[in-house]
C-alpha atoms as a PDB file:
ATOM      1  CA  MET A   1      58.146 146.147  49.818  1.00  0.00           C
ATOM      2  CA  LYS A   2      55.926 144.823  47.155  1.00  0.00           C
ATOM      3  CA  SER A   3      57.480 143.801  43.836  1.00  0.00           C
ATOM      4  CA  LYS A   4      56.549 145.914  40.914  1.00  0.00           C
ATOM      5  CA  SER A   5      54.458 143.385  39.267  1.00  0.00           C
ATOM      6  CA  GLY A   6      52.649 142.750  42.596  1.00  0.00           C
ATOM      7  CA  TYR A   7      51.816 146.211  43.128  1.00  0.00           C
ATOM      8  CA  ILE A   8      50.692 146.585  39.467  1.00  0.00           C
ATOM      9  CA  ILE A   9      48.284 143.579  39.790  1.00  0.00           C
ATOM     10  CA  GLY A  10      46.951 144.978  42.808  1.00  0.00           C
ATOM     11  CA  LYS A  11      46.228 148.247  41.292  1.00  0.00           C
ATOM     12  CA  ILE A  12      44.673 146.587  38.483  1.00  0.00           C
ATOM     13  CA  ILE A  13      42.216 144.877  40.717  1.00  0.00           C
ATOM     14  CA  GLU A  14      41.444 148.127  42.589  1.00  0.00           C
ATOM     15  CA  LEU A  15      40.877 149.583  39.015  1.00  0.00           C
ATOM     16  CA  ILE A  16      38.359 146.968  37.999  1.00  0.00           C
ATOM     17  CA  LEU A  17      36.434 146.921  41.413  1.00  0.00           C
ATOM     18  CA  THR A  18      36.353 150.879  40.962  1.00  0.00           C
ATOM     19  CA  LEU A  19      34.857 150.372  37.536  1.00  0.00           C
ATOM     20  CA  LEU A  20      32.291 147.984  38.861  1.00  0.00           C
ATOM     21  CA  VAL A  21      31.010 150.507  41.553  1.00  0.00           C
ATOM     22  CA  VAL A  22      30.866 153.307  39.253  1.00  0.00           C
ATOM     23  CA  SER A  23      29.100 151.557  36.692  1.00  0.00           C
ATOM     24  CA  LEU A  24      26.568 150.427  39.458  1.00  0.00           C
ATOM     25  CA  LEU A  25      26.360 154.252  40.648  1.00  0.00           C
ATOM     26  CA  VAL A  26      25.904 155.641  36.985  1.00  0.00           C
ATOM     27  CA  PHE A  27      22.920 153.071  36.357  1.00  0.00           C
ATOM     28  CA  ILE A  28      21.356 153.537  39.643  1.00  0.00           C
ATOM     29  CA  ALA A  29      21.354 157.307  39.336  1.00  0.00           C
ATOM     30  CA  PHE A  30      19.933 157.487  36.032  1.00  0.00           C
ATOM     31  CA  SER A  31      17.383 154.776  36.740  1.00  0.00           C
ATOM     32  CA  VAL A  32      15.809 156.534  39.684  1.00  0.00           C
ATOM     33  CA  ILE A  33      15.327 159.978  37.673  1.00  0.00           C
ATOM     34  CA  PRO A  34      11.801 160.690  37.605  1.00  0.00           C
ATOM     35  CA  GLY A  35      10.138 160.316  34.170  1.00  0.00           C
ATOM     36  CA  ASP A  36       9.690 158.062  31.564  1.00  0.00           C
ATOM     37  CA  ALA A  37      11.918 157.773  28.466  1.00  0.00           C
ATOM     38  CA  ALA A  38       9.351 156.342  26.218  1.00  0.00           C
ATOM     39  CA  ARG A  39       6.687 158.783  27.135  1.00  0.00           C
ATOM     40  CA  VAL A  40       9.155 161.508  26.349  1.00  0.00           C
ATOM     41  CA  MET A  41      10.155 160.103  23.111  1.00  0.00           C
ATOM     42  CA  LEU A  42       6.560 159.602  22.006  1.00  0.00           C
ATOM     43  CA  GLY A  43       5.146 163.159  23.227  1.00  0.00           C
ATOM     44  CA  PRO A  44       2.379 163.616  25.873  1.00  0.00           C
ATOM     45  CA  ASN A  45      -0.336 162.827  23.229  1.00  0.00           C
ATOM     46  CA  ALA A  46       0.783 158.987  22.776  1.00  0.00           C
ATOM     47  CA  SER A  47      -1.900 156.489  24.209  1.00  0.00           C
ATOM     48  CA  ASP A  48      -0.723 154.053  27.113  1.00  0.00           C
ATOM     49  CA  SER A  49      -0.467 151.242  24.994  1.00  0.00           C
ATOM     50  CA  GLN A  50       1.659 152.852  22.857  1.00  0.00           C
ATOM     51  CA  VAL A  51       3.883 153.785  25.390  1.00  0.00           C
ATOM     52  CA  GLU A  52       3.983 150.285  26.775  1.00  0.00           C
ATOM     53  CA  LEU A  53       4.861 149.102  23.321  1.00  0.00           C
ATOM     54  CA  LEU A  54       7.846 151.167  23.257  1.00  0.00           C
ATOM     55  CA  ARG A  55       9.019 150.279  26.589  1.00  0.00           C
ATOM     56  CA  ALA A  56       8.998 146.805  25.734  1.00  0.00           C
ATOM     57  CA  GLU A  57      11.063 147.477  22.595  1.00  0.00           C
ATOM     58  CA  LEU A  58      13.464 149.445  24.663  1.00  0.00           C
ATOM     59  CA  GLY A  59      13.710 146.748  27.305  1.00  0.00           C
ATOM     60  CA  LEU A  60      12.580 149.170  30.013  1.00  0.00           C
ATOM     61  CA  ASP A  61       9.940 146.694  30.942  1.00  0.00           C
ATOM     62  CA  LYS A  62      12.511 144.210  32.288  1.00  0.00           C
ATOM     63  CA  PRO A  63      13.483 143.867  35.919  1.00  0.00           C
ATOM     64  CA  LEU A  64      16.145 146.275  37.037  1.00  0.00           C
ATOM     65  CA  VAL A  65      18.747 143.679  38.083  1.00  0.00           C
ATOM     66  CA  SER A  66      18.514 141.973  34.394  1.00  0.00           C
ATOM     67  CA  ARG A  67      18.594 145.545  32.804  1.00  0.00           C
ATOM     68  CA  TYR A  68      21.748 146.301  34.894  1.00  0.00           C
ATOM     69  CA  PHE A  69      23.789 143.387  33.936  1.00  0.00           C
ATOM     70  CA  SER A  70      22.752 143.666  30.306  1.00  0.00           C
ATOM     71  CA  TRP A  71      23.725 147.202  30.467  1.00  0.00           C
ATOM     72  CA  LEU A  72      26.973 146.365  32.091  1.00  0.00           C
ATOM     73  CA  LEU A  73      27.945 143.948  29.436  1.00  0.00           C
ATOM     74  CA  GLY A  74      27.297 146.332  26.803  1.00  0.00           C
ATOM     75  CA  ILE A  75      29.557 148.999  28.497  1.00  0.00           C
ATOM     76  CA  PHE A  76      32.475 146.921  28.892  1.00  0.00           C
ATOM     77  CA  THR A  77      32.403 145.441  25.344  1.00  0.00           C
ATOM     78  CA  PHE A  78      31.887 149.006  24.162  1.00  0.00           C
ATOM     79  CA  ASN A  79      28.458 148.608  22.914  1.00  0.00           C
ATOM     80  CA  PRO A  80      26.077 150.431  25.404  1.00  0.00           C
ATOM     81  CA  GLY A  81      23.223 150.398  23.060  1.00  0.00           C
ATOM     82  CA  VAL A  82      21.400 152.493  20.594  1.00  0.00           C
ATOM     83  CA  SER A  83      20.344 156.248  21.002  1.00  0.00           C
ATOM     84  CA  TYR A  84      16.917 156.852  21.870  1.00  0.00           C
ATOM     85  CA  SER A  85      17.099 160.254  20.378  1.00  0.00           C
ATOM     86  CA  TYR A  86      19.481 159.683  17.302  1.00  0.00           C
ATOM     87  CA  SER A  87      18.841 155.895  16.742  1.00  0.00           C
ATOM     88  CA  ILE A  88      22.606 155.291  16.303  1.00  0.00           C
ATOM     89  CA  ASP A  89      24.926 153.275  18.169  1.00  0.00           C
ATOM     90  CA  VAL A  90      25.958 155.256  21.358  1.00  0.00           C
ATOM     91  CA  SER A  91      29.603 154.221  20.682  1.00  0.00           C
ATOM     92  CA  GLU A  92      29.502 155.751  17.240  1.00  0.00           C
ATOM     93  CA  LEU A  93      28.138 159.205  18.649  1.00  0.00           C
ATOM     94  CA  ILE A  94      30.665 159.317  21.231  1.00  0.00           C
ATOM     95  CA  ALA A  95      33.539 158.247  18.870  1.00  0.00           C
ATOM     96  CA  GLN A  96      32.407 161.084  16.508  1.00  0.00           C
ATOM     97  CA  ARG A  97      32.348 163.902  19.611  1.00  0.00           C
ATOM     98  CA  LEU A  98      35.602 162.397  21.465  1.00  0.00           C
ATOM     99  CA  PRO A  99      38.150 163.981  19.360  1.00  0.00           C
ATOM    100  CA  VAL A 100      36.751 167.399  20.248  1.00  0.00           C
ATOM    101  CA  THR A 101      36.717 166.737  24.226  1.00  0.00           C
ATOM    102  CA  LEU A 102      40.079 165.005  24.162  1.00  0.00           C
ATOM    103  CA  GLY A 103      41.919 167.442  21.831  1.00  0.00           C
ATOM    104  CA  THR A 104      40.799 170.311  24.039  1.00  0.00           C
ATOM    105  CA  SER A 105      41.878 168.734  27.207  1.00  0.00           C
ATOM    106  CA  ALA A 106      45.202 167.471  25.798  1.00  0.00           C
ATOM    107  CA  ILE A 107      46.049 170.917  24.492  1.00  0.00           C
ATOM    108  CA  ALA A 108      45.116 172.462  27.836  1.00  0.00           C
ATOM    109  CA  MET A 109      47.225 170.158  29.706  1.00  0.00           C
ATOM    110  CA  ILE A 110      49.956 170.602  27.647  1.00  0.00           C
ATOM    111  CA  MET A 111      49.498 174.433  28.206  1.00  0.00           C
ATOM    112  CA  VAL A 112      49.817 173.837  31.868  1.00  0.00           C
ATOM    113  CA  ILE A 113      52.851 172.027  31.734  1.00  0.00           C
ATOM    114  CA  ILE A 114      54.628 174.245  29.294  1.00  0.00           C
ATOM    115  CA  VAL A 115      53.648 177.374  31.836  1.00  0.00           C
ATOM    116  CA  SER A 116      53.389 176.184  35.216  1.00  0.00           C
ATOM    117  CA  TYR A 117      56.763 174.391  35.331  1.00  0.00           C
ATOM    118  CA  PRO A 118      59.015 177.151  34.486  1.00  0.00           C
ATOM    119  CA  LEU A 119      57.094 179.708  36.707  1.00  0.00           C
ATOM    120  CA  ALA A 120      57.351 177.304  39.422  1.00  0.00           C
ATOM    121  CA  ILE A 121      61.067 176.841  39.116  1.00  0.00           C
ATOM    122  CA  LEU A 122      61.699 180.566  38.529  1.00  0.00           C
ATOM    123  CA  SER A 123      59.387 181.279  41.457  1.00  0.00           C
ATOM    124  CA  ALA A 124      60.834 178.899  44.048  1.00  0.00           C
ATOM    125  CA  ARG A 125      64.569 179.586  43.175  1.00  0.00           C
ATOM    126  CA  LYS A 126      64.235 182.847  44.932  1.00  0.00           C
ATOM    127  CA  PRO A 127      61.204 182.566  47.523  1.00  0.00           C
ATOM    128  CA  GLY A 128      60.105 185.692  48.890  1.00  0.00           C
ATOM    129  CA  ARG A 129      61.838 187.904  46.206  1.00  0.00           C
ATOM    130  CA  LEU A 130      60.055 190.157  43.726  1.00  0.00           C
ATOM    131  CA  GLY A 131      59.982 187.555  40.924  1.00  0.00           C
ATOM    132  CA  ASP A 132      58.212 185.193  43.286  1.00  0.00           C
ATOM    133  CA  GLN A 133      55.722 187.602  44.704  1.00  0.00           C
ATOM    134  CA  ILE A 134      54.877 188.657  40.965  1.00  0.00           C
ATOM    135  CA  CYS A 135      54.322 185.171  40.029  1.00  0.00           C
ATOM    136  CA  SER A 136      52.220 184.498  43.183  1.00  0.00           C
ATOM    137  CA  VAL A 137      49.883 187.145  42.265  1.00  0.00           C
ATOM    138  CA  ILE A 138      49.522 186.199  38.818  1.00  0.00           C
ATOM    139  CA  GLY A 139      48.674 182.707  40.114  1.00  0.00           C
ATOM    140  CA  HIS A 140      46.018 184.054  42.476  1.00  0.00           C
ATOM    141  CA  VAL A 141      44.224 185.850  39.891  1.00  0.00           C
ATOM    142  CA  LEU A 142      44.249 183.025  37.320  1.00  0.00           C
ATOM    143  CA  PHE A 143      43.147 180.473  39.801  1.00  0.00           C
ATOM    144  CA  ALA A 144      40.069 183.050  40.580  1.00  0.00           C
ATOM    145  CA  ILE A 145      38.742 183.017  37.129  1.00  0.00           C
ATOM    146  CA  PRO A 146      36.430 180.277  36.448  1.00  0.00           C
ATOM    147  CA  PRO A 147      36.931 178.462  32.765  1.00  0.00           C
ATOM    148  CA  TYR A 148      33.603 179.809  31.434  1.00  0.00           C
ATOM    149  CA  VAL A 149      34.148 183.562  32.342  1.00  0.00           C
ATOM    150  CA  ALA A 150      37.732 183.060  30.880  1.00  0.00           C
ATOM    151  CA  SER A 151      36.121 181.575  27.599  1.00  0.00           C
ATOM    152  CA  LEU A 152      33.544 184.780  27.222  1.00  0.00           C
ATOM    153  CA  LEU A 153      36.584 187.178  27.966  1.00  0.00           C
ATOM    154  CA  LEU A 154      38.870 185.374  25.265  1.00  0.00           C
ATOM    155  CA  ILE A 155      35.914 185.126  22.979  1.00  0.00           C
ATOM    156  CA  LEU A 156      35.216 188.872  23.550  1.00  0.00           C
ATOM    157  CA  LEU A 157      38.803 189.791  23.132  1.00  0.00           C
ATOM    158  CA  ALA A 158      39.620 187.800  20.040  1.00  0.00           C
ATOM    159  CA  SER A 159      36.303 188.563  18.103  1.00  0.00           C
ATOM    160  CA  SER A 160      35.803 192.471  18.907  1.00  0.00           C
ATOM    161  CA  VAL A 161      39.522 193.254  19.381  1.00  0.00           C
ATOM    162  CA  PHE A 162      41.819 191.049  17.150  1.00  0.00           C
ATOM    163  CA  SER A 163      39.353 189.821  14.986  1.00  0.00           C
ATOM    164  CA  LEU A 164      40.802 186.158  15.105  1.00  0.00           C
ATOM    165  CA  LEU A 165      37.902 184.121  16.089  1.00  0.00           C
ATOM    166  CA  THR A 166      34.516 182.977  14.676  1.00  0.00           C
ATOM    167  CA  VAL A 167      33.062 181.196  17.245  1.00  0.00           C
ATOM    168  CA  GLY A 168      31.633 177.662  16.273  1.00  0.00           C
ATOM    169  CA  ASN A 169      34.041 177.433  13.376  1.00  0.00           C
ATOM    170  CA  TYR A 170      34.987 173.776  14.176  1.00  0.00           C
ATOM    171  CA  VAL A 171      37.490 172.117  11.828  1.00  0.00           C
ATOM    172  CA  LYS A 172      37.794 168.263  11.758  1.00  0.00           C
ATOM    173  CA  PRO A 173      41.123 166.919  12.168  1.00  0.00           C
ATOM    174  CA  SER A 174      40.645 164.671   9.116  1.00  0.00           C
ATOM    175  CA  ASP A 175      39.996 167.890   7.047  1.00  0.00           C
ATOM    176  CA  ASP A 176      42.757 169.930   8.280  1.00  0.00           C
ATOM    177  CA  PHE A 177      44.654 169.079  11.338  1.00  0.00           C
ATOM    178  CA  PHE A 178      46.250 172.316  11.792  1.00  0.00           C
ATOM    179  CA  GLY A 179      42.695 174.130  11.415  1.00  0.00           C
ATOM    180  CA  TYR A 180      41.733 171.452  14.177  1.00  0.00           C
ATOM    181  CA  ILE A 181      44.413 172.560  16.297  1.00  0.00           C
ATOM    182  CA  GLY A 182      43.839 176.241  15.769  1.00  0.00           C
ATOM    183  CA  CYS A 183      39.809 176.076  16.644  1.00  0.00           C
ATOM    184  CA  LEU A 184      40.698 174.385  19.892  1.00  0.00           C
ATOM    185  CA  LEU A 185      43.529 177.016  21.045  1.00  0.00           C
ATOM    186  CA  LEU A 186      41.267 179.427  22.609  1.00  0.00           C
ATOM    187  CA  PRO A 187      39.014 177.173  24.476  1.00  0.00           C
ATOM    188  CA  SER A 188      42.216 175.013  25.550  1.00  0.00           C
ATOM    189  CA  PHE A 189      43.581 178.191  26.956  1.00  0.00           C
ATOM    190  CA  ALA A 190      40.453 179.115  29.047  1.00  0.00           C
ATOM    191  CA  ILE A 191      40.669 175.595  30.566  1.00  0.00           C
ATOM    192  CA  ALA A 192      44.054 175.735  31.484  1.00  0.00           C
ATOM    193  CA  LEU A 193      44.264 179.398  33.025  1.00  0.00           C
ATOM    194  CA  PRO A 194      42.956 178.354  36.515  1.00  0.00           C
ATOM    195  CA  LYS A 195      44.939 174.883  36.098  1.00  0.00           C
ATOM    196  CA  ILE A 196      48.176 176.650  35.398  1.00  0.00           C
ATOM    197  CA  ALA A 197      47.667 178.434  38.699  1.00  0.00           C
ATOM    198  CA  MET A 198      47.018 175.308  40.570  1.00  0.00           C
ATOM    199  CA  SER A 199      49.913 173.287  39.035  1.00  0.00           C
ATOM    200  CA  PHE A 200      52.168 176.303  39.718  1.00  0.00           C
ATOM    201  CA  LYS A 201      51.438 176.451  43.514  1.00  0.00           C
ATOM    202  CA  PHE A 202      51.735 172.942  44.213  1.00  0.00           C
ATOM    203  CA  LEU A 203      54.969 172.718  41.925  1.00  0.00           C
ATOM    204  CA  ARG A 204      56.551 175.803  43.877  1.00  0.00           C
ATOM    205  CA  SER A 205      55.807 174.475  47.234  1.00  0.00           C
ATOM    206  CA  SER A 206      57.313 171.065  46.517  1.00  0.00           C
ATOM    207  CA  ILE A 207      60.490 172.512  45.033  1.00  0.00           C
ATOM    208  CA  ILE A 208      60.925 175.226  47.943  1.00  0.00           C
ATOM    209  CA  GLU A 209      60.267 171.817  50.519  1.00  0.00           C
ATOM    210  CA  GLN A 210      62.887 169.897  48.690  1.00  0.00           C
ATOM    211  CA  GLN A 211      65.296 172.844  48.578  1.00  0.00           C
ATOM    212  CA  SER A 212      65.386 172.961  52.132  1.00  0.00           C
ATOM    213  CA  SER A 213      66.493 169.161  52.455  1.00  0.00           C
ATOM    214  CA  ASP A 214      69.444 167.770  53.894  1.00  0.00           C
ATOM    215  CA  TYR A 215      70.726 166.388  50.539  1.00  0.00           C
ATOM    216  CA  VAL A 216      70.744 169.943  49.010  1.00  0.00           C
ATOM    217  CA  ARG A 217      73.090 171.291  51.693  1.00  0.00           C
ATOM    218  CA  THR A 218      75.187 168.431  51.342  1.00  0.00           C
ATOM    219  CA  SER A 219      75.452 169.078  47.450  1.00  0.00           C
ATOM    220  CA  LYS A 220      75.971 172.517  48.356  1.00  0.00           C
ATOM    221  CA  SER A 221      79.129 171.641  50.198  1.00  0.00           C
ATOM    222  CA  HIS A 222      80.509 169.618  47.696  1.00  0.00           C
ATOM    223  CA  GLY A 223      80.623 172.376  45.275  1.00  0.00           C
ATOM    224  CA  LEU A 224      77.444 171.725  42.839  1.00  0.00           C
ATOM    225  CA  SER A 225      76.047 174.722  41.744  1.00  0.00           C
ATOM    226  CA  ASP A 226      72.264 175.818  42.138  1.00  0.00           C
ATOM    227  CA  PHE A 227      71.027 175.322  38.853  1.00  0.00           C
ATOM    228  CA  LYS A 228      72.782 171.627  38.873  1.00  0.00           C
ATOM    229  CA  ILE A 229      70.979 170.597  42.194  1.00  0.00           C
ATOM    230  CA  LEU A 230      67.807 171.875  40.789  1.00  0.00           C
ATOM    231  CA  ILE A 231      68.033 169.604  37.756  1.00  0.00           C
ATOM    232  CA  ARG A 232      69.921 166.679  39.199  1.00  0.00           C
ATOM    233  CA  HIS A 233      68.247 166.466  42.794  1.00  0.00           C
ATOM    234  CA  VAL A 234      65.255 168.857  43.453  1.00  0.00           C
ATOM    235  CA  LEU A 235      63.015 168.242  40.242  1.00  0.00           C
ATOM    236  CA  PRO A 236      63.597 164.521  40.355  1.00  0.00           C
ATOM    237  CA  ASN A 237      62.572 164.531  43.942  1.00  0.00           C
ATOM    238  CA  SER A 238      59.437 166.517  43.193  1.00  0.00           C
ATOM    239  CA  ASN A 239      58.221 164.091  40.482  1.00  0.00           C
ATOM    240  CA  VAL A 240      56.047 162.162  43.011  1.00  0.00           C
ATOM    241  CA  SER A 241      53.738 165.345  44.015  1.00  0.00           C
ATOM    242  CA  SER A 242      54.009 166.593  40.394  1.00  0.00           C
ATOM    243  CA  ILE A 243      52.677 163.256  39.007  1.00  0.00           C
ATOM    244  CA  THR A 244      49.777 163.512  41.536  1.00  0.00           C
ATOM    245  CA  ILE A 245      48.740 166.908  40.875  1.00  0.00           C
ATOM    246  CA  ILE A 246      48.891 166.642  37.106  1.00  0.00           C
ATOM    247  CA  SER A 247      46.513 163.463  37.415  1.00  0.00           C
ATOM    248  CA  ILE A 248      44.055 165.505  39.479  1.00  0.00           C
ATOM    249  CA  ILE A 249      44.341 168.574  36.875  1.00  0.00           C
ATOM    250  CA  MET A 250      43.914 166.180  33.807  1.00  0.00           C
ATOM    251  CA  SER A 251      40.692 164.734  35.208  1.00  0.00           C
ATOM    252  CA  ASP A 252      39.876 168.370  36.329  1.00  0.00           C
ATOM    253  CA  ILE A 253      40.425 169.588  32.630  1.00  0.00           C
ATOM    254  CA  LEU A 254      38.425 166.729  31.042  1.00  0.00           C
ATOM    255  CA  GLY A 255      35.356 167.679  33.129  1.00  0.00           C
ATOM    256  CA  GLY A 256      35.788 171.564  32.785  1.00  0.00           C
ATOM    257  CA  SER A 257      36.048 171.057  28.844  1.00  0.00           C
ATOM    258  CA  LEU A 258      32.327 169.877  28.616  1.00  0.00           C
ATOM    259  CA  ILE A 259      31.157 173.259  29.745  1.00  0.00           C
ATOM    260  CA  VAL A 260      33.837 175.228  27.832  1.00  0.00           C
ATOM    261  CA  GLU A 261      32.539 173.400  24.552  1.00  0.00           C
ATOM    262  CA  GLN A 262      29.412 174.821  24.955  1.00  0.00           C
ATOM    263  CA  VAL A 263      30.536 178.473  25.298  1.00  0.00           C
ATOM    264  CA  PHE A 264      32.554 178.071  22.192  1.00  0.00           C
ATOM    265  CA  ASN A 265      29.707 176.052  20.260  1.00  0.00           C
ATOM    266  CA  LEU A 266      32.354 173.177  19.936  1.00  0.00           C
ATOM    267  CA  PRO A 267      30.397 169.653  18.874  1.00  0.00           C
ATOM    268  CA  GLY A 268      31.963 167.634  21.733  1.00  0.00           C
ATOM    269  CA  LEU A 269      30.694 165.288  24.483  1.00  0.00           C
ATOM    270  CA  GLY A 270      29.240 168.619  26.341  1.00  0.00           C
ATOM    271  CA  ARG A 271      26.729 169.014  23.568  1.00  0.00           C
ATOM    272  CA  LEU A 272      25.852 165.655  23.432  1.00  0.00           C
ATOM    273  CA  LEU A 273      25.463 165.088  27.168  1.00  0.00           C
ATOM    274  CA  LEU A 274      22.976 168.256  27.241  1.00  0.00           C
ATOM    275  CA  SER A 275      21.180 166.628  24.667  1.00  0.00           C
ATOM    276  CA  ALA A 276      21.076 163.478  26.248  1.00  0.00           C
ATOM    277  CA  VAL A 277      19.908 164.975  29.637  1.00  0.00           C
ATOM    278  CA  GLN A 278      17.034 166.703  27.727  1.00  0.00           C
ATOM    279  CA  GLY A 279      15.708 163.610  25.845  1.00  0.00           C
ATOM    280  CA  ARG A 280      16.129 161.165  28.649  1.00  0.00           C
ATOM    281  CA  ASP A 281      18.388 159.293  26.526  1.00  0.00           C
ATOM    282  CA  PHE A 282      19.647 156.627  29.074  1.00  0.00           C
ATOM    283  CA  PRO A 283      21.837 154.714  26.888  1.00  0.00           C
ATOM    284  CA  LEU A 284      23.671 157.921  25.558  1.00  0.00           C
ATOM    285  CA  LEU A 285      23.521 159.493  29.037  1.00  0.00           C
ATOM    286  CA  SER A 286      24.898 156.691  30.978  1.00  0.00           C
ATOM    287  CA  GLY A 287      27.642 155.769  28.015  1.00  0.00           C
ATOM    288  CA  ILE A 288      29.007 159.429  28.237  1.00  0.00           C
ATOM    289  CA  VAL A 289      29.018 159.763  32.170  1.00  0.00           C
ATOM    290  CA  PHE A 290      30.534 156.312  32.226  1.00  0.00           C
ATOM    291  CA  TYR A 291      33.397 156.434  30.090  1.00  0.00           C
ATOM    292  CA  ILE A 292      34.449 159.748  31.169  1.00  0.00           C
ATOM    293  CA  ALA A 293      34.408 158.509  34.534  1.00  0.00           C
ATOM    294  CA  PHE A 294      36.305 155.460  32.821  1.00  0.00           C
ATOM    295  CA  ILE A 295      38.911 157.957  31.650  1.00  0.00           C
ATOM    296  CA  THR A 296      39.304 159.304  34.769  1.00  0.00           C
ATOM    297  CA  VAL A 297      39.926 156.210  36.647  1.00  0.00           C
ATOM    298  CA  ILE A 298      42.257 155.196  34.222  1.00  0.00           C
ATOM    299  CA  LEU A 299      44.444 158.549  34.581  1.00  0.00           C
ATOM    300  CA  TYR A 300      44.614 157.816  38.366  1.00  0.00           C
ATOM    301  CA  PHE A 301      45.858 154.405  37.775  1.00  0.00           C
ATOM    302  CA  ILE A 302      48.467 155.613  35.759  1.00  0.00           C
ATOM    303  CA  SER A 303      49.382 158.230  38.002  1.00  0.00           C
ATOM    304  CA  ASP A 304      49.830 155.520  40.799  1.00  0.00           C
ATOM    305  CA  ILE A 305      51.861 153.398  38.691  1.00  0.00           C
ATOM    306  CA  ALA A 306      54.214 156.254  37.641  1.00  0.00           C
ATOM    307  CA  SER A 307      54.408 157.598  41.285  1.00  0.00           C
ATOM    308  CA  SER A 308      55.574 153.935  42.369  1.00  0.00           C
ATOM    309  CA  PHE A 309      58.209 153.920  39.577  1.00  0.00           C
ATOM    310  CA  ALA A 310      59.397 157.487  40.659  1.00  0.00           C
ATOM    311  CA  ASP A 311      59.220 156.800  44.439  1.00  0.00           C
ATOM    312  CA  PRO A 312      59.770 152.748  45.196  1.00  0.00           C
ATOM    313  CA  ARG A 313      58.854 153.639  48.797  1.00  0.00           C
ATOM    314  CA  ILE A 314      55.224 153.983  47.614  1.00  0.00           C
ATOM    315  CA  ARG A 315      55.345 150.226  47.310  1.00  0.00           C
ATOM    316  CA  LEU A 316      55.885 149.760  51.095  1.00  0.00           C
ATOM    317  CA  LYS A 317      53.139 147.511  52.809  1.00  0.00           C
END
């Protein structure tokens, strides 16, 4: 079995290699897209000499390998360049929009945990009973609703029926923190709905599997109540699968929030990404995609480390 430090060092090396591969894929993907960023910026009426001059200013006339290493250095020093469309540092633009995306994702994840855990415990304690069947049906329904459809339904319900929502009424956390939380609740709920169903199903299956284990029967023979067995043994032994599915859901939520932001007219990374695509803004587009991938890889890295602490057998060679 590997030591904790050896396992962590190995995972850090994997993390670095993964990020290097991701950076290469991102750069190649956006470099081979047809079209010329300089031509898009100057418009169709610009002369060839003007386009070539701008290409030289932007560094687009350099060899592809040279451009990649220059971009890679900027990415890992959090200085991916200046946006073609906004003439502002990409890192500054992302920092301005990041609170919206991360805030929405964090609130959605909290909702998933708060709702799915109690439902899974309630359902798994009496599998096959009426309560379990009701929870399973609700899970199937929630899982079938895409986030953007849930967003439209929530907007219709909140604005038309309860008059609680003004779409696009975003409040900065620096101006009013509780107002900031309030304006993100509905989009977070729209993102969380199918993820609640996903988390519920995995947690329920894991708890039921643990309840059929030998140690549960032994604990019952020693006189422990079902509730104590659940809290002391079943839930801790379900941690590994729980950590894995939560990390998957967190990365999925981060990507799903980009779409929901558009529906709720929130000034997050989703709108910025769409603007970058339309303007062929390579520094901004590649910066957003890479940093989202970076956050996702970090989430999986944390999940691997947490799983190894929850179950040391994972560190077996």
